[in-house]
Amino acid sequence: MDPVIVVGAGPVGLSLALALAGAGVPSVVLDERPAKEEVRPARTVVLHADTAAMAHRLRCTTLRDEGAYFAAWRTMRRGRDAHRITFEDEPAPLHVPQHALARGLRDSAAAHPLVQLVRDSRLDSLEQDDRGVTAHTVGAETTWWRGSYVVGCDGARSTVRKLLGIRFPGRTAVERHAVAALRTELPWPGEALLHRSAPHEVTSRPLPDGVWRLDWLLPARGELVTPDALVTLIRDTLAQWCGGTTPPYDLLDTGVHTLHHRLARRWRDGRAFLAGDAAHLLGALGTQGVEEGLRDAENLAWKLSLAWHQGASEALLDSYEGERRTAVASRLRAADQAMPTLRSGGGLRNYLPGASRSAESLLTDGHLGRGPLGAEPTYAPPIAVREVPTATEPGGPVANVPVTAPDGATVPLRDLMGQGRLLVVLVAPGTGVWDRRHWLGAGLMPRLAAAVSALPVRTDLLVADSYPGAPAHTVLLVRPDGHLAATFAGVRPAELYEAADAVRAGAPASRVPAPSTTPTPTPTVVID
C-alpha cells in the first residue's frame, strides 16, 4: 500500500508522520522550505501532560535540554501577589521554543526508516480516486507522488485546504501581543507569572539558562509597536517586578503576534484531511494552537494506521473530524464568550457556566491546561459502556498509571500509546510484585487473554496494580490515543468484542469513495 503523504514539516506534520511510523505506516513529508526552520526564541509552545508525553514518545530529545517545566504558577494583581499554584499532584506544563520542538521532531523523523522527508517541495495540485491520492510538487524537482491518503499540515495558508475548496471562516485580530525573549534574573526563578491589572496583562514563562518569554496584551487594533516602545515596556515591567530598578537583561528576540480564531468548515474530503493550523487557528486567553495540532495528529494517526493495515469504515475516518473539530470549536467558543468581559474587567457569570470565579482564575486555567479553555478533550464514545464507575468517564483521557507491559517492564500507561493498538488493562492489586510469567496463567488472565486475542483490532494486554476509582478485577478498554472506551466488571468476552468493534466504528469499508468534485488523475510517474 502507498505511504501517507503529509504536507508540511512543522511540529504537527512531523508528529503525524512519527505517530504513523510508530504504528508501522510509512509516510512522505513534503516541506516547501529549502532551509532549516528559523530560530526564534520568542516563539514558544506550552505542552501539557498528554502532548508532552506524546512528544517524548516520539523521541523528541530537544525537550530535555531546551524546554523548562514550570516550577509554579504565580498570579499578581495590580502589582501584588494574589495566588501561587505548585504542581505536586499533577504534571507541570512544559515550555519549549517552537523551533526546538520542530528540530527535535525533525531529527527523530530523519532517523526513522518509515519517514521520508522531502525539502524544497511545494504542492501545486492534488487529485484523488478510490484507491489513493496523487500529488504534484514543484521546487528542487518537479515530481508526482502517489499516496494512500494525504494530510494537510501546512499552516494557516494551507495549500491543501485551498485545493480542496474548503472555507476557513472566523475572526481576525482577536488578540495582539508584544513578545520578547530575554535573559535576566527575576525574583521567582523557574516560575511562570500572570500579572493582571485590567485591561493590562503581562505573562512571563521560563526557559532554560535564565531565559524568559514575556507577553504584553495590546489593543487588538492599535498603533505599531516601535523598538523604542518595546524597550520601554521591558524596562518598566522588569522594574515593577524587581523593586523599582530595572535589572540587567540580554534581549534575544522580539515580535508582535496577532492572533486569529478560525475553523475550517470540513476537515475531511475523501482521502484528504486537514490538521493543525490548516484546520484551526486559536491562541487567545492562554489556548495553544500547536498543542491542539498535536492532538489532531494523535487522533488521526491511529485511525489512518488502522485503515492502512486492516481497512477502516467510513464512520471511523469521519470520526476524526467529528471528535477533533468539536473539541476545538468548544475551545474557541469558550474563549469568544469569555473575552469581552475578561478584557473589560466585567463579570463572567453570564458567559460561562460556573464562571463566577475571578478573571485571573479563568486565564490561569487556559495557561495550565484546565477548564473549558485548556483541559484535555473528552470524546463522546460510540457506546458508553461503564459497568464499573472509575475516576475517568468513557471518552476521557485515562490516568497515567504504572502498568506491566508485554515484555514484563513496568512503565507509565502513556508510554505504550501511539502504536495503533487498543489497550486492555486489568486492575489486579498485588501483581506489580509478580513475575509476568506467573500471573499470565493465574486468576482471570487466561480467560481475558483469550478474549483479547479474539478482538477485531490489534490489542495489547496490560496489568495495573490500581486505577483511580476502580475496584479489583476491573477491565478497561483504552483507545490507541489514550481515551477510555469502556470499563467492565471482570472478563466479558462478548461485551469486550462489541466495545472494540465500536471503537473501530464497525467493519472496514471496502473502498473509500473520492468526492464527486475531484477530477480523475492523469497517468503519472510515481517517485517512491
Protein backbone atom coordinates (compact mmCIF):
# COMPACT_ATOMS: atom_id res chain seq x y z
CA MET A 1 0.00 0.00 0.00
CA ASP A 2 1.21 3.52 -0.77
CA PRO A 3 2.55 5.76 2.03
CA VAL A 4 0.55 8.58 3.59
CA ILE A 5 1.50 11.97 2.14
CA VAL A 6 1.94 14.63 4.83
CA VAL A 7 2.10 18.20 3.52
CA GLY A 8 4.00 20.45 5.92
CA ALA A 9 7.01 19.75 8.14
CA GLY A 10 6.20 21.80 11.21
CA PRO A 11 5.56 20.21 14.62
CA VAL A 12 2.14 18.89 13.59
CA GLY A 13 3.19 17.32 10.29
CA LEU A 14 6.32 15.78 11.80
CA SER A 15 4.36 14.46 14.80
CA LEU A 16 1.80 12.88 12.50
CA ALA A 17 4.50 11.21 10.40
CA LEU A 18 6.23 9.86 13.51
CA ALA A 19 2.94 8.68 15.04
CA LEU A 20 2.15 6.84 11.82
CA ALA A 21 5.64 5.34 11.78
CA GLY A 22 5.15 4.15 15.37
CA ALA A 23 2.15 2.20 14.11
CA GLY A 24 4.11 0.78 11.17
CA VAL A 25 2.77 3.14 8.47
CA PRO A 26 5.22 4.81 6.04
CA SER A 27 4.84 8.46 5.09
CA VAL A 28 6.31 11.10 2.80
CA VAL A 29 6.60 14.55 4.40
CA LEU A 30 6.63 17.38 1.84
CA ASP A 31 8.29 20.57 3.11
CA GLU A 32 8.23 23.60 0.84
CA ARG A 33 11.05 25.27 2.79
CA PRO A 34 14.54 24.72 1.38
CA ALA A 35 16.35 25.60 4.62
CA LYS A 36 16.09 24.80 8.31
CA GLU A 37 13.47 26.43 10.49
CA GLU A 38 14.25 29.96 11.64
CA VAL A 39 15.44 30.21 15.24
CA ARG A 40 13.02 32.45 17.16
CA PRO A 41 13.35 32.29 20.97
CA ALA A 42 10.24 34.46 21.37
CA ARG A 43 8.07 31.91 19.56
CA THR A 44 7.35 29.17 22.06
CA VAL A 45 4.92 26.35 22.84
CA VAL A 46 3.46 25.16 26.14
CA LEU A 47 2.82 21.40 26.29
CA HIS A 48 0.63 19.84 28.96
CA ALA A 49 0.59 16.25 30.22
CA ASP A 50 -0.81 14.50 27.13
CA THR A 51 1.08 16.43 24.45
CA ALA A 52 4.36 16.44 26.40
CA ALA A 53 4.07 12.66 26.79
CA MET A 54 3.38 12.37 23.06
CA ALA A 55 6.47 14.42 22.15
CA HIS A 56 8.66 12.32 24.46
CA ARG A 57 7.16 9.14 22.99
CA LEU A 58 8.10 10.38 19.51
CA ARG A 59 11.73 10.67 20.71
CA CYS A 60 11.91 14.47 20.62
CA THR A 61 15.16 14.81 22.57
CA THR A 62 15.34 18.62 22.49
CA LEU A 63 12.65 18.84 25.18
CA ARG A 64 15.12 17.73 27.81
CA ASP A 65 17.78 20.38 27.18
CA GLU A 66 15.82 23.25 25.61
CA GLY A 67 12.50 23.03 27.44
CA ALA A 68 11.65 24.02 31.02
CA TYR A 69 8.89 22.76 33.31
CA PHE A 70 7.09 25.43 35.33
CA ALA A 71 8.25 25.29 38.95
CA ALA A 72 5.00 27.05 39.88
CA TRP A 73 2.36 29.41 38.50
CA ARG A 74 2.14 32.79 40.18
CA THR A 75 -0.66 35.34 39.80
CA MET A 76 -0.23 39.05 40.55
CA ARG A 77 -2.97 41.66 40.64
CA ARG A 78 -2.12 45.36 40.48
CA GLY A 79 1.47 44.70 41.48
CA ARG A 80 0.73 42.40 44.43
CA ASP A 81 0.91 38.61 44.74
CA ALA A 82 -2.59 37.12 44.61
CA HIS A 83 -2.14 33.35 44.21
CA ARG A 84 0.51 30.68 43.66
CA ILE A 85 0.00 27.16 42.29
CA THR A 86 2.51 24.33 42.60
CA PHE A 87 2.47 21.05 40.70
CA GLU A 88 2.89 18.45 43.41
CA ASP A 89 -0.21 16.46 42.39
CA GLU A 90 -0.18 16.99 38.63
CA PRO A 91 2.38 17.23 35.82
CA ALA A 92 3.81 20.71 35.35
CA PRO A 93 3.43 22.38 31.93
CA LEU A 94 6.49 22.16 29.69
CA HIS A 95 7.63 25.38 27.93
CA VAL A 96 9.83 24.99 24.84
CA PRO A 97 10.81 27.14 21.83
CA GLN A 98 8.83 26.06 18.79
CA HIS A 99 11.97 25.78 16.66
CA ALA A 100 13.49 23.41 19.25
CA LEU A 101 10.36 21.25 19.25
CA ALA A 102 10.39 21.14 15.44
CA ARG A 103 14.11 20.36 15.30
CA GLY A 104 13.77 17.51 17.77
CA LEU A 105 10.88 16.01 15.84
CA ARG A 106 12.74 16.50 12.56
CA ASP A 107 15.82 14.70 13.90
CA SER A 108 13.63 11.84 15.06
CA ALA A 109 11.86 11.67 11.69
CA ALA A 110 15.15 11.77 9.78
CA ALA A 111 16.34 8.73 11.75
CA HIS A 112 13.17 6.69 11.17
CA PRO A 113 13.15 4.34 8.16
CA LEU A 114 9.40 4.78 7.62
CA VAL A 115 9.54 8.59 7.28
CA GLN A 116 10.80 10.25 4.10
CA LEU A 117 11.49 13.99 4.43
CA VAL A 118 11.49 15.98 1.20
CA ARG A 119 12.65 19.62 1.29
CA ASP A 120 12.00 22.38 -1.22
CA SER A 121 8.90 20.60 -2.42
CA ARG A 122 5.81 22.79 -2.84
CA LEU A 123 2.44 21.22 -3.54
CA ASP A 124 0.61 22.70 -6.54
CA SER A 125 -2.02 20.09 -7.44
CA LEU A 126 -3.86 17.26 -5.76
CA GLU A 127 -6.06 14.55 -7.21
CA GLN A 128 -7.71 11.53 -5.65
CA ASP A 129 -9.53 8.38 -6.69
CA ASP A 130 -10.99 5.39 -4.87
CA ARG A 131 -7.53 3.81 -4.42
CA GLY A 132 -5.41 6.75 -3.31
CA VAL A 133 -4.18 10.28 -3.94
CA THR A 134 -1.77 11.81 -6.43
CA ALA A 135 0.12 14.98 -5.55
CA HIS A 136 2.28 17.14 -7.80
CA THR A 137 5.07 19.26 -6.35
CA VAL A 138 7.47 21.85 -7.71
CA GLY A 139 10.73 23.09 -6.23
CA ALA A 140 14.12 21.47 -6.42
CA GLU A 141 12.44 18.87 -8.64
CA THR A 142 9.08 18.63 -10.37
CA THR A 143 7.62 15.37 -9.15
CA TRP A 144 4.44 13.33 -8.87
CA TRP A 145 3.79 11.50 -5.62
CA ARG A 146 1.34 8.65 -5.04
CA GLY A 147 -0.13 8.05 -1.59
CA SER A 148 -2.90 6.19 0.20
CA TYR A 149 -4.07 9.37 1.98
CA VAL A 150 -2.95 12.98 2.20
CA VAL A 151 -2.98 15.22 5.27
CA GLY A 152 -2.59 18.98 5.04
CA CYS A 153 -0.48 20.16 7.98
CA ASP A 154 0.68 23.16 6.01
CA GLY A 155 -0.41 26.02 8.22
CA ALA A 156 -2.89 28.87 8.15
CA ARG A 157 -2.43 29.49 4.42
CA SER A 158 -2.80 25.77 3.67
CA THR A 159 -2.44 24.83 0.01
CA VAL A 160 -4.20 21.53 0.68
CA ARG A 161 -7.22 23.33 2.12
CA LYS A 162 -7.34 25.72 -0.85
CA LEU A 163 -7.02 22.89 -3.40
CA LEU A 164 -9.91 21.10 -1.70
CA GLY A 165 -12.02 24.27 -1.78
CA ILE A 166 -12.70 24.23 1.97
CA ARG A 167 -13.75 27.52 3.56
CA PHE A 168 -11.88 28.86 6.62
CA PRO A 169 -14.21 31.35 8.36
CA GLY A 170 -13.59 33.04 11.67
CA ARG A 171 -12.47 36.21 13.41
CA THR A 172 -9.44 38.31 12.50
CA ALA A 173 -7.12 40.01 15.04
CA VAL A 174 -8.81 38.59 18.12
CA GLU A 175 -5.79 39.50 20.25
CA ARG A 176 -2.46 41.19 19.72
CA HIS A 177 0.64 40.70 21.88
CA ALA A 178 4.07 42.27 22.02
CA VAL A 179 6.54 39.47 22.75
CA ALA A 180 10.16 39.42 23.91
CA ALA A 181 12.65 36.70 24.84
CA LEU A 182 15.35 37.91 27.19
CA ARG A 183 17.90 36.62 29.66
CA THR A 184 17.68 38.14 33.12
CA GLU A 185 17.11 37.34 36.79
CA LEU A 186 13.57 37.58 38.14
CA PRO A 187 12.53 37.28 41.81
CA TRP A 188 10.78 33.91 41.17
CA PRO A 189 13.26 31.56 39.38
CA GLY A 190 11.54 28.99 37.17
CA GLU A 191 8.03 30.18 37.99
CA ALA A 192 5.57 31.37 35.36
CA LEU A 193 3.64 34.54 36.06
CA LEU A 194 0.36 36.17 35.12
CA HIS A 195 0.31 39.86 36.13
CA ARG A 196 -3.03 41.49 35.53
CA SER A 197 -4.35 44.97 36.11
CA ALA A 198 -7.33 45.14 33.77
CA PRO A 199 -7.24 45.90 30.94
CA HIS A 200 -3.43 45.42 31.06
CA GLU A 201 -1.95 41.93 31.18
CA VAL A 202 1.60 40.56 31.15
CA THR A 203 2.77 36.95 31.29
CA SER A 204 6.27 35.60 31.78
CA ARG A 205 7.27 31.98 31.23
CA PRO A 206 10.67 30.42 31.98
CA LEU A 207 13.09 28.72 29.60
CA PRO A 208 16.47 27.16 30.45
CA ASP A 209 19.58 29.25 31.20
CA GLY A 210 17.72 32.19 32.72
CA VAL A 211 15.74 32.98 29.56
CA TRP A 212 12.15 34.22 29.79
CA ARG A 213 9.38 34.83 27.29
CA LEU A 214 7.31 37.91 28.15
CA ASP A 215 3.96 38.75 26.53
CA TRP A 216 2.14 42.08 26.81
CA LEU A 217 -1.51 42.28 25.78
CA LEU A 218 -2.00 45.10 23.26
CA PRO A 219 -5.15 46.67 21.85
CA ALA A 220 -6.41 44.39 19.07
CA ARG A 221 -6.08 47.23 16.59
CA GLY A 222 -3.67 49.93 17.63
CA GLU A 223 -0.52 51.74 16.74
CA LEU A 224 2.59 49.92 15.58
CA VAL A 225 4.90 48.85 18.39
CA THR A 226 8.24 50.54 17.70
CA PRO A 227 11.54 49.16 19.04
CA ASP A 228 11.74 52.08 21.47
CA ALA A 229 8.23 51.41 22.75
CA LEU A 230 9.05 47.74 23.28
CA VAL A 231 12.22 48.56 25.19
CA THR A 232 10.18 50.88 27.40
CA LEU A 233 7.69 48.07 28.07
CA ILE A 234 10.53 45.72 29.02
CA ARG A 235 12.26 48.19 31.31
CA ASP A 236 9.09 49.33 33.06
CA THR A 237 7.86 45.75 33.59
CA LEU A 238 11.16 44.48 34.96
CA ALA A 239 11.46 47.48 37.27
CA GLN A 240 7.95 46.88 38.63
CA TRP A 241 8.83 43.24 39.37
CA CYS A 242 12.30 43.93 40.78
CA GLY A 243 11.76 46.62 43.39
CA GLY A 244 11.69 49.68 41.16
CA THR A 245 15.07 49.13 39.48
CA THR A 246 15.47 47.52 36.06
CA PRO A 247 17.91 44.58 36.37
CA PRO A 248 20.49 43.85 33.66
CA TYR A 249 19.00 41.90 30.76
CA ASP A 250 20.08 40.50 27.40
CA LEU A 251 17.40 40.94 24.73
CA LEU A 252 17.36 37.88 22.43
CA ASP A 253 14.27 38.24 20.25
CA THR A 254 11.14 40.35 19.88
CA GLY A 255 7.95 40.36 17.88
CA VAL A 256 4.29 41.28 17.68
CA HIS A 257 1.86 38.36 17.40
CA THR A 258 -1.64 38.89 16.08
CA LEU A 259 -3.97 36.02 16.98
CA HIS A 260 -6.90 34.93 14.83
CA HIS A 261 -9.75 32.49 15.53
CA ARG A 262 -10.72 30.37 12.53
CA LEU A 263 -12.20 26.93 11.99
CA ALA A 264 -12.28 25.05 8.68
CA ARG A 265 -15.77 24.02 7.57
CA ARG A 266 -14.62 20.48 6.82
CA TRP A 267 -11.58 18.53 7.99
CA ARG A 268 -12.00 15.57 5.63
CA ASP A 269 -12.57 15.33 1.88
CA GLY A 270 -12.42 11.72 0.70
CA ARG A 271 -8.84 10.60 1.28
CA ALA A 272 -7.66 14.11 2.21
CA PHE A 273 -7.57 15.51 5.77
CA LEU A 274 -6.61 18.77 7.48
CA ALA A 275 -4.75 19.12 10.79
CA GLY A 276 -3.15 21.86 12.88
CA ASP A 277 -3.28 25.46 11.69
CA ALA A 278 -4.63 24.27 8.33
CA ALA A 279 -7.81 23.24 10.18
CA HIS A 280 -7.98 25.77 13.02
CA LEU A 281 -6.43 28.91 14.43
CA LEU A 282 -6.62 29.75 18.14
CA GLY A 283 -4.33 31.13 20.81
CA ALA A 284 -6.22 33.73 22.81
CA LEU A 285 -6.57 33.53 26.61
CA GLY A 286 -3.77 31.01 27.00
CA THR A 287 -5.04 28.44 24.48
CA GLN A 288 -2.33 26.68 22.48
CA GLY A 289 -2.71 26.21 18.73
CA VAL A 290 0.32 23.93 18.33
CA GLU A 291 -0.84 21.74 21.19
CA GLU A 292 -4.27 21.29 19.60
CA GLY A 293 -2.48 20.40 16.37
CA LEU A 294 -0.55 17.65 18.18
CA ARG A 295 -3.86 16.32 19.48
CA ASP A 296 -5.14 16.32 15.89
CA ALA A 297 -2.12 14.25 14.86
CA GLU A 298 -2.56 11.69 17.64
CA ASN A 299 -6.28 11.31 16.97
CA LEU A 300 -5.83 10.91 13.20
CA ALA A 301 -2.73 8.71 13.27
CA TRP A 302 -4.32 5.62 14.83
CA LYS A 303 -7.34 5.83 12.56
CA LEU A 304 -5.19 6.10 9.43
CA SER A 305 -2.96 3.28 10.68
CA LEU A 306 -5.98 1.03 11.13
CA ALA A 307 -7.15 1.98 7.63
CA TRP A 308 -3.67 1.32 6.22
CA HIS A 309 -3.21 -2.09 7.87
CA GLN A 310 -6.72 -3.53 8.00
CA GLY A 311 -9.04 -1.12 6.26
CA ALA A 312 -11.35 1.22 8.15
CA SER A 313 -15.01 2.13 7.99
CA GLU A 314 -16.13 5.48 6.67
CA ALA A 315 -17.51 6.19 10.13
CA LEU A 316 -14.08 5.78 11.75
CA LEU A 317 -12.40 8.13 9.28
CA ASP A 318 -15.26 10.62 9.67
CA SER A 319 -14.88 10.46 13.46
CA TYR A 320 -11.58 12.37 13.22
CA GLU A 321 -13.45 15.49 12.14
CA GLY A 322 -16.36 14.77 14.47
CA GLU A 323 -14.14 14.49 17.54
CA ARG A 324 -11.39 17.00 16.90
CA ARG A 325 -13.45 19.73 15.24
CA THR A 326 -15.98 19.54 18.07
CA ALA A 327 -13.21 19.81 20.69
CA VAL A 328 -11.54 22.80 19.04
CA ALA A 329 -14.88 24.50 18.36
CA SER A 330 -15.70 24.17 22.06
CA ARG A 331 -12.37 25.77 22.95
CA LEU A 332 -12.93 28.65 20.53
CA ARG A 333 -16.47 29.15 21.80
CA ALA A 334 -15.30 29.34 25.42
CA ALA A 335 -12.64 31.92 24.52
CA ASP A 336 -15.01 34.01 22.41
CA GLN A 337 -17.65 34.04 25.16
CA ALA A 338 -15.23 34.95 27.93
CA MET A 339 -13.15 37.51 26.08
CA PRO A 340 -15.46 40.55 26.15
CA THR A 341 -15.75 40.56 29.93
CA LEU A 342 -12.21 39.37 30.62
CA ARG A 343 -10.77 42.22 28.66
CA SER A 344 -13.15 44.82 30.05
CA GLY A 345 -12.85 43.67 33.65
CA GLY A 346 -16.54 42.71 33.95
CA GLY A 347 -18.07 39.59 35.47
CA LEU A 348 -18.12 36.17 33.84
CA ARG A 349 -21.25 34.67 35.34
CA ASN A 350 -23.39 35.33 32.30
CA TYR A 351 -20.91 33.94 29.83
CA LEU A 352 -19.57 30.59 31.07
CA PRO A 353 -21.34 28.03 33.27
CA GLY A 354 -19.83 28.13 36.75
CA ALA A 355 -17.61 31.07 35.81
CA SER A 356 -18.25 33.18 38.88
CA ARG A 357 -14.54 32.89 39.73
CA SER A 358 -12.08 35.66 39.07
CA ALA A 359 -10.79 36.52 35.62
CA GLU A 360 -7.32 35.50 36.81
CA SER A 361 -8.59 32.01 37.65
CA LEU A 362 -10.09 31.52 34.20
CA LEU A 363 -6.96 32.79 32.48
CA THR A 364 -4.86 30.53 34.68
CA ASP A 365 -6.95 27.55 33.55
CA GLY A 366 -6.22 28.41 29.92
CA HIS A 367 -2.48 28.60 30.55
CA LEU A 368 -2.31 25.49 32.75
CA GLY A 369 -4.50 23.18 30.64
CA ARG A 370 -7.62 23.20 32.80
CA GLY A 371 -11.30 24.04 32.43
CA PRO A 372 -13.10 24.99 29.21
CA LEU A 373 -10.08 26.89 27.88
CA GLY A 374 -7.45 24.23 28.40
CA ALA A 375 -8.45 20.78 29.64
CA GLU A 376 -7.68 17.66 27.62
CA PRO A 377 -10.68 16.84 25.41
CA THR A 378 -13.27 14.18 26.15
CA TYR A 379 -14.74 12.44 23.11
CA ALA A 380 -18.28 11.07 23.05
CA PRO A 381 -17.82 7.28 22.75
CA PRO A 382 -19.91 5.34 20.19
CA ILE A 383 -21.17 3.22 23.09
CA ALA A 384 -20.83 4.31 26.71
CA VAL A 385 -20.05 1.00 28.43
CA ARG A 386 -19.42 1.76 32.08
CA GLU A 387 -20.14 -1.34 34.10
CA VAL A 388 -17.68 -0.11 36.72
CA PRO A 389 -17.51 3.57 37.69
CA THR A 390 -13.96 4.91 37.75
CA ALA A 391 -12.42 8.36 38.07
CA THR A 392 -12.42 8.54 34.25
CA GLU A 393 -15.64 8.85 32.27
CA PRO A 394 -15.85 6.92 28.97
CA GLY A 395 -14.28 9.11 26.29
CA GLY A 396 -11.99 10.90 28.75
CA PRO A 397 -8.19 10.71 28.89
CA VAL A 398 -7.01 7.83 31.05
CA ALA A 399 -4.90 8.30 34.16
CA ASN A 400 -1.21 7.74 33.57
CA VAL A 401 -0.89 4.83 35.99
CA PRO A 402 2.06 2.39 36.04
CA VAL A 403 1.27 -0.79 34.07
CA THR A 404 3.13 -4.00 33.35
CA ALA A 405 3.86 -4.19 29.62
CA PRO A 406 4.02 -7.34 27.44
CA ASP A 407 7.80 -7.54 27.93
CA GLY A 408 7.39 -7.54 31.71
CA ALA A 409 8.58 -3.97 32.25
CA THR A 410 6.59 -1.58 34.42
CA VAL A 411 6.07 1.74 32.61
CA PRO A 412 3.60 4.67 32.65
CA LEU A 413 0.49 3.89 30.63
CA ARG A 414 1.06 6.85 28.29
CA ASP A 415 4.39 5.33 27.18
CA LEU A 416 2.53 2.45 25.49
CA MET A 417 0.21 4.62 23.42
CA GLY A 418 0.82 5.68 19.86
CA GLN A 419 1.33 2.21 18.37
CA GLY A 420 -2.06 1.97 16.67
CA ARG A 421 -3.20 -0.72 19.13
CA LEU A 422 -6.05 -0.89 21.61
CA LEU A 423 -5.02 -1.41 25.21
CA VAL A 424 -6.84 -3.69 27.62
CA VAL A 425 -5.88 -3.05 31.25
CA LEU A 426 -6.76 -5.43 34.08
CA VAL A 427 -6.76 -3.86 37.54
CA ALA A 428 -5.22 -6.56 39.74
CA PRO A 429 -3.80 -5.41 43.09
CA GLY A 430 -0.56 -7.11 44.02
CA THR A 431 0.52 -8.12 40.53
CA GLY A 432 3.13 -5.38 40.49
CA VAL A 433 5.39 -7.61 42.55
CA TRP A 434 4.82 -10.76 40.50
CA ASP A 435 6.82 -12.01 37.56
CA ARG A 436 4.77 -11.78 34.36
CA ARG A 437 5.15 -15.47 33.55
CA HIS A 438 3.40 -16.27 36.84
CA TRP A 439 0.37 -14.00 36.63
CA LEU A 440 -0.24 -14.74 32.92
CA GLY A 441 -1.56 -18.12 33.97
CA ALA A 442 -3.30 -17.06 37.16
CA GLY A 443 -6.81 -15.95 38.07
CA LEU A 444 -8.70 -14.11 35.31
CA MET A 445 -5.72 -13.79 33.00
CA PRO A 446 -6.09 -16.91 30.80
CA ARG A 447 -9.72 -16.12 30.01
CA LEU A 448 -9.00 -12.42 29.50
CA ALA A 449 -6.01 -13.19 27.25
CA ALA A 450 -8.23 -15.44 25.12
CA ALA A 451 -10.87 -12.70 24.86
CA VAL A 452 -8.24 -10.11 23.88
CA SER A 453 -6.74 -12.38 21.20
CA ALA A 454 -10.17 -12.63 19.56
CA LEU A 455 -10.72 -8.86 19.24
CA PRO A 456 -11.07 -7.38 15.74
CA VAL A 457 -8.28 -4.82 16.33
CA ARG A 458 -4.68 -5.42 17.39
CA THR A 459 -4.64 -5.15 21.17
CA ASP A 460 -2.07 -5.25 23.98
CA LEU A 461 -2.99 -6.79 27.33
CA LEU A 462 -1.64 -4.91 30.36
CA VAL A 463 -1.97 -5.15 34.12
CA ALA A 464 -2.18 -2.30 36.63
CA ASP A 465 -1.83 -2.64 40.37
CA SER A 466 -4.52 0.04 40.75
CA TYR A 467 -6.53 2.63 38.81
CA PRO A 468 -8.27 5.71 40.31
CA GLY A 469 -11.75 4.77 41.46
CA ALA A 470 -11.61 1.22 40.08
CA PRO A 471 -12.04 -1.90 42.26
CA ALA A 472 -10.07 -5.09 41.75
CA HIS A 473 -10.77 -7.08 38.57
CA THR A 474 -11.95 -4.03 36.62
CA VAL A 475 -11.12 -4.33 32.91
CA LEU A 476 -10.52 -1.08 30.99
CA LEU A 477 -10.58 -0.79 27.21
CA VAL A 478 -8.40 2.13 26.09
CA ARG A 479 -8.15 3.61 22.59
CA PRO A 480 -4.72 3.94 20.94
CA ASP A 481 -4.74 7.69 21.70
CA GLY A 482 -5.31 7.13 25.42
CA HIS A 483 -9.05 7.80 25.72
CA LEU A 484 -11.14 5.39 27.76
CA ALA A 485 -13.61 3.41 25.66
CA ALA A 486 -15.23 1.13 28.22
CA THR A 487 -14.99 -0.45 31.69
CA PHE A 488 -16.14 -3.93 32.67
CA ALA A 489 -16.56 -5.86 35.91
CA GLY A 490 -14.33 -8.81 35.17
CA VAL A 491 -13.99 -10.68 31.88
CA ARG A 492 -16.86 -10.15 29.44
CA PRO A 493 -15.68 -11.57 26.08
CA ALA A 494 -18.82 -10.72 24.06
CA GLU A 495 -19.18 -7.24 25.53
CA LEU A 496 -15.45 -6.56 25.14
CA TYR A 497 -15.64 -7.56 21.47
CA GLU A 498 -18.66 -5.32 20.94
CA ALA A 499 -16.86 -2.37 22.53
CA ALA A 500 -13.69 -2.93 20.47
CA ASP A 501 -15.80 -3.14 17.33
CA ALA A 502 -17.49 0.13 18.30
CA VAL A 503 -14.08 1.79 18.76
CA ARG A 504 -13.16 0.89 15.17
CA ALA A 505 -16.69 2.02 14.12
CA GLY A 506 -17.60 -1.32 12.58
CA ALA A 507 -16.13 -3.45 9.83
CA PRO A 508 -13.74 -1.84 7.32
CA ALA A 509 -15.10 -0.23 4.21
CA SER A 510 -14.15 -1.99 1.00
CA ARG A 511 -13.19 1.31 -0.57
CA VAL A 512 -13.09 5.00 0.27
CA PRO A 513 -15.01 6.95 -2.37
CA ALA A 514 -13.47 10.10 -3.74
CA PRO A 515 -15.62 13.25 -3.67
CA SER A 516 -17.61 13.88 -6.82
CA THR A 517 -15.84 17.20 -7.41
CA THR A 518 -12.39 15.61 -7.58
CA PRO A 519 -11.11 15.03 -11.12
CA THR A 520 -9.77 11.65 -12.22
CA PRO A 521 -5.96 11.76 -12.20
CA THR A 522 -3.96 11.65 -15.39
CA PRO A 523 -1.25 8.99 -15.82
CA THR A 524 1.70 9.81 -13.61
CA VAL A 525 5.26 8.82 -12.91
CA VAL A 526 5.41 7.80 -9.27
CA ILE A 527 8.57 8.51 -7.29
CA ASP A 528 8.86 6.26 -4.20
